[in-house]
Amino acid sequence: MGAKPGEASSAQVRNQQQANRRVTSVDVAAESGVSQATVARVFSSPEKVSPATREKVRSAAERLGYVPNAIARSLKSQRTNIVGAVVPAYGEYWQNVLAEFSRQLAQRSYQLLLFSFAKPEDVDGALGSVAQYRLDGVILASATIGQAQLGRMQSSPLPSVAFNQPAAEGLVPSVSVDNEVGMAELAQHLVDMTVGTALYIGGVSSVSTDQVRYRGAVQALAEHGVACPYMEAGAYTYDAGYKAAGELAQRDNLPEAVMVGSDEVAFGVLDGLENAGISAPRDLLLTGFDGLPQASWAGYDLTTLVQATDVLVAQAIDVLLDSNTAADRPASVVVPGTIRYGMTTKKTDG
């Protein structure tokens, strides 16, 4: 008996069921005339398969609409090809770093999963979330992750690497720019410009990155008899720098040079001073640290310490993924930066 009006026939139902059925590697193997094991190798270890076979299998997969089952593959290999990153939910610096991590991990067939937090006190929650996922490793990409939290990560079986975090040394493997030497080189540049007074504007004084950078600046300047007191902006943000500039502008005597602990804070300082009628380099010299793309914009043209982000990220990925055991991983990797000389430290006659 045929189907009633408005009802699908049994053949139509079967066709729809087949259309809805997920295409498997068995289907791709039959379509391309190879074994199921070969199909699996094409998508997991393509370098082990000849180019001609890879092309044949991938063409068949595309025709059938086949998508590899990442969950099944991870259960078999005990790897997910997913790397987590614990990172602040704000900041131009971290956006640039994460974009580079995403790019380089994709080249190695890994995905990046973010665990972000808005406030330093929310770090524990982000770290707790990491434990709920099957990851091949985690990047600790925030200077606000404290030593107690790093210590817990040290005892975790999950491989981890700290990025630009001096406090991580001796606890978990770390990769960072040479913060102290970089800031000392910027200080020497100011000495060469014959400055006699200086001020350092940091982000958060309790953070190890801030402490190490300030140490580099103050020691290098002290060798030439230049004092460099510390001023805390309160955060590593543009707004914090703008507010600090307003406080600085109220002082009776301006320093001849201002060293700022990060570019993003420095942008706020520059705009805040400009709003108060104080200009760099006309009224004082100013440096940043990080080498963000905006530092080269005509509106800022900031003298800063440029981090080799691509090199730092590559080193961090190598430490995280290419060492089989914790004993194999280096304690720390330090990468030098280079100074970008901008208009903010070019003395004028006026």
Protein backbone atom coordinates (compact mmCIF):
# COMPACT_ATOMS: atom_id res chain seq x y z
CA MET A 1 0.00 0.00 0.00
CA GLY A 2 1.29 3.44 -0.92
CA ALA A 3 1.85 6.24 1.53
CA LYS A 4 -1.13 8.37 2.49
CA PRO A 5 -1.23 11.94 1.23
CA GLY A 6 1.16 14.06 3.31
CA GLU A 7 3.10 11.01 4.56
CA ALA A 8 6.63 10.10 3.41
CA SER A 9 7.11 6.74 1.74
CA SER A 10 9.40 4.16 3.37
CA ALA A 11 11.94 4.79 0.59
CA GLN A 12 11.87 8.50 1.29
CA VAL A 13 12.35 7.82 4.98
CA ARG A 14 15.35 5.59 4.27
CA ASN A 15 16.84 8.20 1.96
CA GLN A 16 16.39 10.88 4.61
CA GLN A 17 17.95 8.66 7.26
CA GLN A 18 20.93 8.05 5.00
CA ALA A 19 21.22 11.78 4.33
CA ASN A 20 21.18 12.47 8.07
CA ARG A 21 23.68 9.71 8.88
CA ARG A 22 27.14 10.91 9.70
CA VAL A 23 29.66 9.98 7.03
CA THR A 24 32.40 7.80 8.52
CA SER A 25 35.95 6.88 7.60
CA VAL A 26 34.59 3.54 6.36
CA ASP A 27 32.59 5.44 3.72
CA VAL A 28 35.64 7.47 2.69
CA ALA A 29 37.75 4.31 2.46
CA ALA A 30 35.18 2.67 0.16
CA GLU A 31 34.87 5.81 -1.96
CA SER A 32 38.63 6.26 -2.38
CA GLY A 33 39.57 2.58 -2.65
CA VAL A 34 41.94 2.52 0.31
CA SER A 35 41.84 0.99 3.78
CA GLN A 36 40.19 2.66 6.76
CA ALA A 37 43.61 2.81 8.42
CA THR A 38 44.96 4.83 5.49
CA VAL A 39 42.07 7.29 5.81
CA ALA A 40 42.88 7.69 9.50
CA ARG A 41 46.56 8.35 8.72
CA VAL A 42 45.67 10.99 6.13
CA PHE A 43 43.91 13.04 8.80
CA SER A 44 46.16 12.29 11.77
CA SER A 45 49.65 11.83 10.29
CA PRO A 46 49.49 13.03 6.66
CA GLU A 47 53.28 13.01 6.35
CA LYS A 48 53.14 9.19 6.50
CA VAL A 49 50.98 8.95 3.36
CA SER A 50 52.04 9.58 -0.24
CA PRO A 51 50.83 12.86 -1.81
CA ALA A 52 48.79 10.98 -4.43
CA THR A 53 46.95 8.93 -1.79
CA ARG A 54 46.41 11.99 0.39
CA GLU A 55 44.81 13.81 -2.53
CA LYS A 56 42.60 10.82 -3.40
CA VAL A 57 41.37 10.44 0.18
CA ARG A 58 40.81 14.15 0.76
CA SER A 59 38.88 14.45 -2.52
CA ALA A 60 36.64 11.54 -1.52
CA ALA A 61 36.11 13.07 1.91
CA GLU A 62 35.13 16.38 0.36
CA ARG A 63 32.64 14.74 -1.99
CA LEU A 64 31.01 12.85 0.86
CA GLY A 65 31.13 15.72 3.34
CA TYR A 66 33.29 13.76 5.75
CA VAL A 67 34.53 15.48 8.93
CA PRO A 68 37.01 13.59 11.15
CA ASN A 69 35.68 12.74 14.60
CA ALA A 70 38.06 14.58 16.92
CA ILE A 71 36.64 12.96 20.05
CA ALA A 72 37.10 9.43 18.75
CA ARG A 73 40.60 10.25 17.53
CA SER A 74 41.56 11.72 20.91
CA LEU A 75 40.32 8.64 22.77
CA LYS A 76 42.50 6.44 20.59
CA SER A 77 45.62 8.62 20.62
CA GLN A 78 45.20 10.04 24.14
CA ARG A 79 45.70 13.49 22.61
CA THR A 80 43.09 16.11 21.78
CA ASN A 81 45.29 18.56 19.82
CA ILE A 82 43.80 21.30 21.97
CA VAL A 83 45.95 23.69 24.01
CA GLY A 84 44.40 25.92 26.66
CA ALA A 85 45.43 29.47 27.53
CA VAL A 86 44.64 31.19 30.82
CA VAL A 87 44.60 34.86 29.88
CA PRO A 88 43.08 38.23 30.90
CA ALA A 89 39.90 39.15 29.06
CA TYR A 90 41.36 42.55 28.16
CA GLY A 91 44.55 44.13 26.88
CA GLU A 92 46.03 44.85 23.47
CA TYR A 93 49.24 43.06 24.39
CA TRP A 94 47.51 39.77 25.11
CA GLN A 95 45.34 40.04 22.01
CA ASN A 96 48.49 40.22 19.89
CA VAL A 97 50.11 37.33 21.75
CA LEU A 98 47.03 35.10 21.48
CA ALA A 99 46.69 35.80 17.77
CA GLU A 100 50.27 34.58 17.30
CA PHE A 101 49.67 31.51 19.47
CA SER A 102 46.56 30.67 17.45
CA ARG A 103 48.43 31.06 14.16
CA GLN A 104 51.42 28.94 15.14
CA LEU A 105 49.36 26.23 16.86
CA ALA A 106 47.16 25.94 13.75
CA GLN A 107 50.30 25.29 11.70
CA ARG A 108 50.90 22.27 13.94
CA SER A 109 47.23 21.16 13.70
CA TYR A 110 46.36 22.33 17.22
CA GLN A 111 43.43 24.43 18.39
CA LEU A 112 43.58 27.13 21.08
CA LEU A 113 40.95 27.15 23.83
CA LEU A 114 40.76 30.31 25.96
CA PHE A 115 40.06 30.45 29.69
CA SER A 116 39.73 34.18 30.30
CA PHE A 117 39.15 36.21 33.44
CA ALA A 118 38.20 39.84 33.93
CA LYS A 119 39.75 40.46 37.37
CA PRO A 120 42.89 39.11 39.07
CA GLU A 121 40.74 37.53 41.78
CA ASP A 122 39.01 35.46 39.09
CA VAL A 123 42.21 33.59 38.16
CA ASP A 124 41.40 30.63 40.41
CA GLY A 125 38.11 30.12 38.61
CA ALA A 126 39.84 30.09 35.22
CA LEU A 127 42.48 27.63 36.44
CA GLY A 128 39.75 25.44 37.91
CA SER A 129 37.98 25.33 34.56
CA VAL A 130 41.15 24.08 32.87
CA ALA A 131 40.98 20.87 34.90
CA GLN A 132 37.54 20.08 33.46
CA TYR A 133 38.82 19.72 29.90
CA ARG A 134 41.01 17.20 28.11
CA LEU A 135 43.93 19.33 26.96
CA ASP A 136 47.40 18.55 25.67
CA GLY A 137 48.84 21.50 27.58
CA VAL A 138 48.08 24.92 28.99
CA ILE A 139 49.68 28.34 28.49
CA LEU A 140 49.71 30.49 31.62
CA ALA A 141 49.52 33.84 29.89
CA SER A 142 49.07 36.35 32.68
CA ALA A 143 51.46 38.01 35.09
CA THR A 144 48.65 38.11 37.68
CA ILE A 145 48.81 34.33 38.18
CA GLY A 146 50.50 34.15 41.57
CA GLN A 147 53.19 31.83 42.91
CA ALA A 148 50.70 29.74 44.91
CA GLN A 149 48.67 29.12 41.76
CA LEU A 150 51.82 28.37 39.78
CA GLY A 151 52.81 25.90 42.47
CA ARG A 152 49.53 24.04 42.01
CA MET A 153 50.15 23.88 38.26
CA GLN A 154 53.62 22.48 38.96
CA SER A 155 52.08 19.48 40.71
CA SER A 156 49.49 18.95 37.98
CA PRO A 157 50.08 16.19 35.38
CA LEU A 158 48.96 18.64 32.69
CA PRO A 159 52.00 20.15 30.87
CA SER A 160 52.14 23.93 31.28
CA VAL A 161 54.31 26.85 30.26
CA ALA A 162 54.27 30.36 31.70
CA PHE A 163 54.52 33.21 29.22
CA ASN A 164 56.38 36.39 30.22
CA GLN A 165 56.15 35.64 33.92
CA PRO A 166 59.34 35.99 35.98
CA ALA A 167 57.55 34.60 39.04
CA ALA A 168 57.23 31.23 37.30
CA GLU A 169 60.95 30.48 37.35
CA GLY A 170 61.62 27.40 39.43
CA LEU A 171 57.95 26.45 39.48
CA VAL A 172 56.86 25.76 35.90
CA PRO A 173 58.71 26.08 32.59
CA SER A 174 58.64 29.66 31.36
CA VAL A 175 59.40 31.69 28.27
CA SER A 176 59.84 35.44 28.49
CA VAL A 177 61.49 38.48 27.02
CA ASP A 178 64.55 39.68 28.92
CA ASN A 179 62.55 42.16 31.00
CA GLU A 180 65.35 43.46 33.20
CA VAL A 181 67.96 43.88 30.46
CA GLY A 182 65.43 45.37 28.07
CA MET A 183 64.39 48.06 30.53
CA ALA A 184 68.04 48.70 31.41
CA GLU A 185 68.77 49.30 27.72
CA LEU A 186 65.94 51.83 27.55
CA ALA A 187 67.34 53.51 30.65
CA GLN A 188 70.78 53.70 29.05
CA HIS A 189 69.20 55.34 26.03
CA LEU A 190 67.78 58.04 28.32
CA VAL A 191 71.19 58.47 29.95
CA ASP A 192 72.65 58.96 26.49
CA MET A 193 70.03 61.70 26.02
CA THR A 194 71.50 63.34 29.17
CA VAL A 195 68.39 63.17 31.35
CA GLY A 196 68.96 64.15 34.98
CA THR A 197 65.63 63.14 36.56
CA ALA A 198 63.28 60.27 35.83
CA LEU A 199 60.05 58.60 36.94
CA TYR A 200 58.87 55.02 36.42
CA ILE A 201 55.14 54.37 35.94
CA GLY A 202 54.35 50.70 36.48
CA GLY A 203 51.15 48.75 36.20
CA VAL A 204 50.75 46.78 39.45
CA SER A 205 53.65 46.87 41.89
CA SER A 206 52.99 43.39 43.30
CA VAL A 207 53.36 41.69 39.90
CA SER A 208 56.75 40.13 39.20
CA THR A 209 56.95 41.49 35.64
CA ASP A 210 56.57 45.02 36.99
CA GLN A 211 59.18 44.42 39.67
CA VAL A 212 61.78 43.01 37.29
CA ARG A 213 61.32 45.77 34.72
CA TYR A 214 61.51 48.48 37.37
CA ARG A 215 64.66 46.90 38.78
CA GLY A 216 66.28 47.06 35.36
CA ALA A 217 65.40 50.72 34.98
CA VAL A 218 66.28 51.95 38.45
CA GLN A 219 69.63 50.14 38.66
CA ALA A 220 70.77 51.29 35.23
CA LEU A 221 69.86 54.91 35.99
CA ALA A 222 71.41 54.78 39.46
CA GLU A 223 74.76 53.87 37.92
CA HIS A 224 74.73 57.35 36.39
CA GLY A 225 73.39 59.13 39.47
CA VAL A 226 69.82 59.44 38.20
CA ALA A 227 67.08 58.64 40.72
CA CYS A 228 63.92 56.99 39.41
CA PRO A 229 61.02 56.78 41.89
CA TYR A 230 58.11 54.41 41.24
CA MET A 231 54.51 55.40 40.52
CA GLU A 232 51.77 52.75 40.28
CA ALA A 233 49.10 53.13 37.61
CA GLY A 234 47.02 50.35 39.19
CA ALA A 235 46.41 48.28 36.06
CA TYR A 236 47.97 47.48 32.69
CA THR A 237 45.41 49.51 30.76
CA TYR A 238 45.11 52.68 28.71
CA ASP A 239 42.70 54.18 31.25
CA ALA A 240 45.10 53.54 34.12
CA GLY A 241 47.87 55.31 32.21
CA TYR A 242 45.60 58.25 31.39
CA LYS A 243 44.69 58.64 35.06
CA ALA A 244 48.34 58.43 36.14
CA ALA A 245 49.19 61.17 33.65
CA GLY A 246 46.58 63.41 35.25
CA GLU A 247 48.23 62.94 38.64
CA LEU A 248 51.67 63.55 37.17
CA ALA A 249 50.51 66.74 35.50
CA GLN A 250 49.56 68.18 38.90
CA ARG A 251 53.14 68.05 40.17
CA ASP A 252 55.15 71.24 40.48
CA ASN A 253 58.21 69.75 38.83
CA LEU A 254 58.05 67.30 35.97
CA PRO A 255 60.78 64.67 35.55
CA GLU A 256 62.93 64.96 32.44
CA ALA A 257 62.00 61.39 31.49
CA VAL A 258 59.16 58.98 32.20
CA MET A 259 59.65 55.23 31.77
CA VAL A 260 56.37 53.30 31.49
CA GLY A 261 56.15 49.57 32.20
CA SER A 262 53.99 48.70 29.17
CA ASP A 263 53.00 50.26 25.86
CA GLU A 264 49.28 50.19 26.58
CA VAL A 265 49.78 52.18 29.78
CA ALA A 266 52.22 54.45 27.90
CA PHE A 267 49.55 55.30 25.29
CA GLY A 268 47.26 56.46 28.10
CA VAL A 269 50.09 58.45 29.70
CA LEU A 270 50.90 60.19 26.41
CA ASP A 271 47.27 61.15 25.76
CA GLY A 272 46.68 62.16 29.37
CA LEU A 273 49.73 64.42 29.38
CA GLU A 274 48.74 65.90 26.03
CA ASN A 275 45.32 66.70 27.45
CA ALA A 276 47.08 68.61 30.23
CA GLY A 277 49.20 70.55 27.75
CA ILE A 278 52.33 68.45 28.31
CA SER A 279 53.97 66.92 25.28
CA ALA A 280 56.63 64.29 24.66
CA PRO A 281 59.32 64.99 23.63
CA ARG A 282 58.86 68.76 24.02
CA ASP A 283 58.39 68.75 27.80
CA LEU A 284 59.76 65.34 28.76
CA LEU A 285 61.03 62.12 27.19
CA LEU A 286 58.94 58.96 27.43
CA THR A 287 59.49 55.22 26.82
CA GLY A 288 57.23 52.17 26.79
CA PHE A 289 57.76 48.42 26.76
CA ASP A 290 56.31 45.62 24.57
CA GLY A 291 56.47 46.91 20.99
CA LEU A 292 52.76 46.90 20.21
CA PRO A 293 51.86 47.76 16.58
CA GLN A 294 50.26 51.03 17.76
CA ALA A 295 53.66 52.21 19.02
CA SER A 296 54.63 53.01 15.43
CA TRP A 297 51.46 55.01 14.72
CA ALA A 298 52.14 58.65 13.93
CA GLY A 299 50.02 59.75 16.87
CA TYR A 300 52.33 57.96 19.33
CA ASP A 301 55.67 57.14 17.61
CA LEU A 302 56.77 55.64 20.90
CA THR A 303 60.28 54.63 21.87
CA THR A 304 59.82 51.13 23.26
CA LEU A 305 61.37 47.71 23.81
CA VAL A 306 60.01 45.46 21.05
CA GLN A 307 59.39 41.86 22.00
CA ALA A 308 59.98 39.22 19.33
CA THR A 309 56.48 37.82 19.83
CA ASP A 310 56.78 35.23 17.07
CA VAL A 311 60.00 33.86 18.58
CA LEU A 312 58.62 33.88 22.13
CA VAL A 313 55.47 32.04 21.06
CA ALA A 314 57.43 29.49 19.03
CA GLN A 315 59.68 28.80 22.02
CA ALA A 316 56.68 28.44 24.34
CA ILE A 317 54.97 25.96 22.01
CA ASP A 318 58.18 23.95 21.69
CA VAL A 319 58.57 23.78 25.47
CA LEU A 320 54.93 22.76 25.90
CA LEU A 321 54.56 20.17 23.15
CA ASP A 322 57.99 18.82 22.26
CA SER A 323 59.11 17.59 25.68
CA ASN A 324 57.76 14.25 26.86
CA THR A 325 58.30 14.70 30.58
CA ALA A 326 58.65 17.56 33.03
CA ALA A 327 62.33 16.68 33.40
CA ASP A 328 62.85 17.27 29.67
CA ARG A 329 61.47 20.79 29.75
CA PRO A 330 63.90 23.68 30.25
CA ALA A 331 63.42 25.69 33.43
CA SER A 332 63.24 28.95 31.53
CA VAL A 333 63.87 30.46 28.12
CA VAL A 334 64.77 34.15 27.86
CA VAL A 335 64.60 36.01 24.54
CA PRO A 336 66.20 39.47 24.10
CA GLY A 337 64.18 42.41 22.81
CA THR A 338 65.22 45.32 20.60
CA ILE A 339 64.66 49.03 21.05
CA ARG A 340 62.44 50.90 18.65
CA TYR A 341 63.51 54.55 18.68
CA GLY A 342 60.55 56.90 18.26
CA MET A 343 59.87 60.61 18.52
CA THR A 344 59.01 60.38 22.24
CA THR A 345 62.72 60.41 23.13
CA LYS A 346 63.96 62.72 20.42
CA LYS A 347 65.01 65.94 22.12
CA THR A 348 63.84 69.16 20.51
CA ASP A 349 65.35 72.63 20.59
CA GLY A 350 62.09 74.22 21.62
